[in-house]
Amino acid sequence: MASLLCCGPKLAACGIVLSIWGVIMLALLGIFFSIHSAVLIEDVPFTDEDFMHKDPSRIYRLYEQVSYNCFIAAAIYLVLGGFSFCQIRLNKRKEYLVR
């Protein structure tokens, strides 16, 4: 049977640390974008035309789009963290089988 092990223990541990950081950071950014934080206006992809209208719904829609993208990226980091966790478990099982 082919082994599913493709990462060493150090790379898998690094993957978990980076995944945890990515999930926390992107989830917080997603929350702040969803509440329309004024500090993050520079990160919203707007045009000059969006500011010409009196109705702020266009800007809010862009905030929601960026928030949605942050939550998707956090979910991808969560999946990669799960993959790294599985790799750590496989590495530990391999250590027990060799000895």
C-alpha atoms as a PDB file:
ATOM      1  CA  MET A   1       0.000   0.000   0.000  1.00  0.00           C
ATOM      2  CA  ALA A   2       1.302   3.441  -0.909  1.00  0.00           C
ATOM      3  CA  SER A   3       2.134   5.772   1.927  1.00  0.00           C
ATOM      4  CA  LEU A   4       0.315   9.080   2.227  1.00  0.00           C
ATOM      5  CA  LEU A   5       3.334  10.559   3.980  1.00  0.00           C
ATOM      6  CA  CYS A   6       4.788  13.415   1.928  1.00  0.00           C
ATOM      7  CA  CYS A   7       6.099  15.866   4.566  1.00  0.00           C
ATOM      8  CA  GLY A   8       8.640  15.464   7.293  1.00  0.00           C
ATOM      9  CA  PRO A   9       7.830  16.256  10.916  1.00  0.00           C
ATOM     10  CA  LYS A  10       9.435  19.719  10.890  1.00  0.00           C
ATOM     11  CA  LEU A  11       7.678  20.812   7.710  1.00  0.00           C
ATOM     12  CA  ALA A  12       4.359  19.538   9.035  1.00  0.00           C
ATOM     13  CA  ALA A  13       4.837  21.421  12.325  1.00  0.00           C
ATOM     14  CA  CYS A  14       5.696  24.575  10.404  1.00  0.00           C
ATOM     15  CA  GLY A  15       2.558  24.075   8.313  1.00  0.00           C
ATOM     16  CA  ILE A  16       0.412  23.868  11.429  1.00  0.00           C
ATOM     17  CA  VAL A  17       1.906  27.042  12.918  1.00  0.00           C
ATOM     18  CA  LEU A  18       1.425  28.984   9.680  1.00  0.00           C
ATOM     19  CA  SER A  19      -2.103  27.632   9.284  1.00  0.00           C
ATOM     20  CA  ILE A  20      -3.115  28.657  12.791  1.00  0.00           C
ATOM     21  CA  TRP A  21      -1.729  32.140  12.213  1.00  0.00           C
ATOM     22  CA  GLY A  22      -3.444  32.404   8.823  1.00  0.00           C
ATOM     23  CA  VAL A  23      -6.818  31.297  10.176  1.00  0.00           C
ATOM     24  CA  ILE A  24      -6.709  33.734  13.095  1.00  0.00           C
ATOM     25  CA  MET A  25      -5.508  36.685  11.015  1.00  0.00           C
ATOM     26  CA  LEU A  26      -7.896  36.155   8.091  1.00  0.00           C
ATOM     27  CA  ALA A  27     -10.884  35.458  10.327  1.00  0.00           C
ATOM     28  CA  LEU A  28     -10.269  38.730  12.182  1.00  0.00           C
ATOM     29  CA  LEU A  29      -9.845  40.606   8.911  1.00  0.00           C
ATOM     30  CA  GLY A  30     -13.071  39.066   7.627  1.00  0.00           C
ATOM     31  CA  ILE A  31     -14.911  40.180  10.759  1.00  0.00           C
ATOM     32  CA  PHE A  32     -13.544  43.716  10.524  1.00  0.00           C
ATOM     33  CA  PHE A  33     -14.408  43.959   6.833  1.00  0.00           C
ATOM     34  CA  SER A  34     -17.929  42.700   7.522  1.00  0.00           C
ATOM     35  CA  ILE A  35     -18.508  45.478  10.084  1.00  0.00           C
ATOM     36  CA  HIS A  36     -17.215  48.031   7.521  1.00  0.00           C
ATOM     37  CA  SER A  37     -14.182  49.202   9.468  1.00  0.00           C
ATOM     38  CA  ALA A  38     -13.060  52.606   8.213  1.00  0.00           C
ATOM     39  CA  VAL A  39      -9.402  51.781   8.878  1.00  0.00           C
ATOM     40  CA  LEU A  40      -9.469  49.132   6.133  1.00  0.00           C
ATOM     41  CA  ILE A  41     -10.831  51.425   3.383  1.00  0.00           C
ATOM     42  CA  GLU A  42      -7.442  51.364   1.646  1.00  0.00           C
ATOM     43  CA  ASP A  43      -7.767  47.613   1.110  1.00  0.00           C
ATOM     44  CA  VAL A  44     -11.179  47.793  -0.567  1.00  0.00           C
ATOM     45  CA  PRO A  45     -10.974  47.680  -4.402  1.00  0.00           C
ATOM     46  CA  PHE A  46     -13.097  50.723  -5.191  1.00  0.00           C
ATOM     47  CA  THR A  47     -13.033  53.179  -8.067  1.00  0.00           C
ATOM     48  CA  ASP A  48     -13.678  56.916  -8.120  1.00  0.00           C
ATOM     49  CA  GLU A  49     -17.059  56.172  -9.631  1.00  0.00           C
ATOM     50  CA  ASP A  50     -18.108  54.336  -6.471  1.00  0.00           C
ATOM     51  CA  PHE A  51     -17.683  57.519  -4.413  1.00  0.00           C
ATOM     52  CA  MET A  52     -19.687  59.723  -6.793  1.00  0.00           C
ATOM     53  CA  HIS A  53     -23.002  58.301  -5.584  1.00  0.00           C
ATOM     54  CA  LYS A  54     -24.595  59.497  -2.365  1.00  0.00           C
ATOM     55  CA  ASP A  55     -25.662  55.949  -1.490  1.00  0.00           C
ATOM     56  CA  PRO A  56     -22.888  54.055   0.363  1.00  0.00           C
ATOM     57  CA  SER A  57     -24.322  50.665  -0.615  1.00  0.00           C
ATOM     58  CA  ARG A  58     -21.697  50.174  -3.357  1.00  0.00           C
ATOM     59  CA  ILE A  59     -18.861  50.623  -0.872  1.00  0.00           C
ATOM     60  CA  TYR A  60     -20.591  48.329   1.622  1.00  0.00           C
ATOM     61  CA  ARG A  61     -20.979  45.686  -1.083  1.00  0.00           C
ATOM     62  CA  LEU A  62     -17.248  45.875  -1.781  1.00  0.00           C
ATOM     63  CA  TYR A  63     -16.522  45.514   1.944  1.00  0.00           C
ATOM     64  CA  GLU A  64     -18.726  42.397   2.020  1.00  0.00           C
ATOM     65  CA  GLN A  65     -16.951  40.959  -1.019  1.00  0.00           C
ATOM     66  CA  VAL A  66     -13.530  41.380   0.590  1.00  0.00           C
ATOM     67  CA  SER A  67     -14.883  39.934   3.850  1.00  0.00           C
ATOM     68  CA  TYR A  68     -16.171  36.880   1.986  1.00  0.00           C
ATOM     69  CA  ASN A  69     -12.764  36.428   0.322  1.00  0.00           C
ATOM     70  CA  CYS A  70     -11.027  36.571   3.716  1.00  0.00           C
ATOM     71  CA  PHE A  71     -13.311  33.881   5.122  1.00  0.00           C
ATOM     72  CA  ILE A  72     -12.670  31.647   2.089  1.00  0.00           C
ATOM     73  CA  ALA A  73      -8.900  32.060   2.521  1.00  0.00           C
ATOM     74  CA  ALA A  74      -9.228  31.245   6.247  1.00  0.00           C
ATOM     75  CA  ALA A  75     -11.086  28.052   5.341  1.00  0.00           C
ATOM     76  CA  ILE A  76      -8.302  27.080   2.925  1.00  0.00           C
ATOM     77  CA  TYR A  77      -5.726  27.643   5.665  1.00  0.00           C
ATOM     78  CA  LEU A  78      -7.841  25.455   7.962  1.00  0.00           C
ATOM     79  CA  VAL A  79      -7.817  22.633   5.408  1.00  0.00           C
ATOM     80  CA  LEU A  80      -4.043  22.923   5.013  1.00  0.00           C
ATOM     81  CA  GLY A  81      -3.669  22.874   8.791  1.00  0.00           C
ATOM     82  CA  GLY A  82      -5.662  19.644   8.879  1.00  0.00           C
ATOM     83  CA  PHE A  83      -3.402  18.196   6.208  1.00  0.00           C
ATOM     84  CA  SER A  84      -0.324  19.159   8.239  1.00  0.00           C
ATOM     85  CA  PHE A  85      -1.847  17.600  11.351  1.00  0.00           C
ATOM     86  CA  CYS A  86      -2.425  14.348   9.446  1.00  0.00           C
ATOM     87  CA  GLN A  87       1.189  14.429   8.295  1.00  0.00           C
ATOM     88  CA  ILE A  88       2.401  14.776  11.890  1.00  0.00           C
ATOM     89  CA  ARG A  89       0.257  11.820  12.917  1.00  0.00           C
ATOM     90  CA  LEU A  90       1.599   9.721  10.033  1.00  0.00           C
ATOM     91  CA  ASN A  91       5.175  10.651  10.966  1.00  0.00           C
ATOM     92  CA  LYS A  92       4.606   9.583  14.572  1.00  0.00           C
ATOM     93  CA  ARG A  93       3.036   6.301  13.451  1.00  0.00           C
ATOM     94  CA  LYS A  94       6.007   5.676  11.166  1.00  0.00           C
ATOM     95  CA  GLU A  95       8.381   6.152  14.130  1.00  0.00           C
ATOM     96  CA  TYR A  96       6.522   3.502  16.110  1.00  0.00           C
ATOM     97  CA  LEU A  97       6.495   1.033  13.230  1.00  0.00           C
ATOM     98  CA  VAL A  98      10.236   1.293  12.524  1.00  0.00           C
ATOM     99  CA  ARG A  99      11.411   0.493  16.046  1.00  0.00           C
END
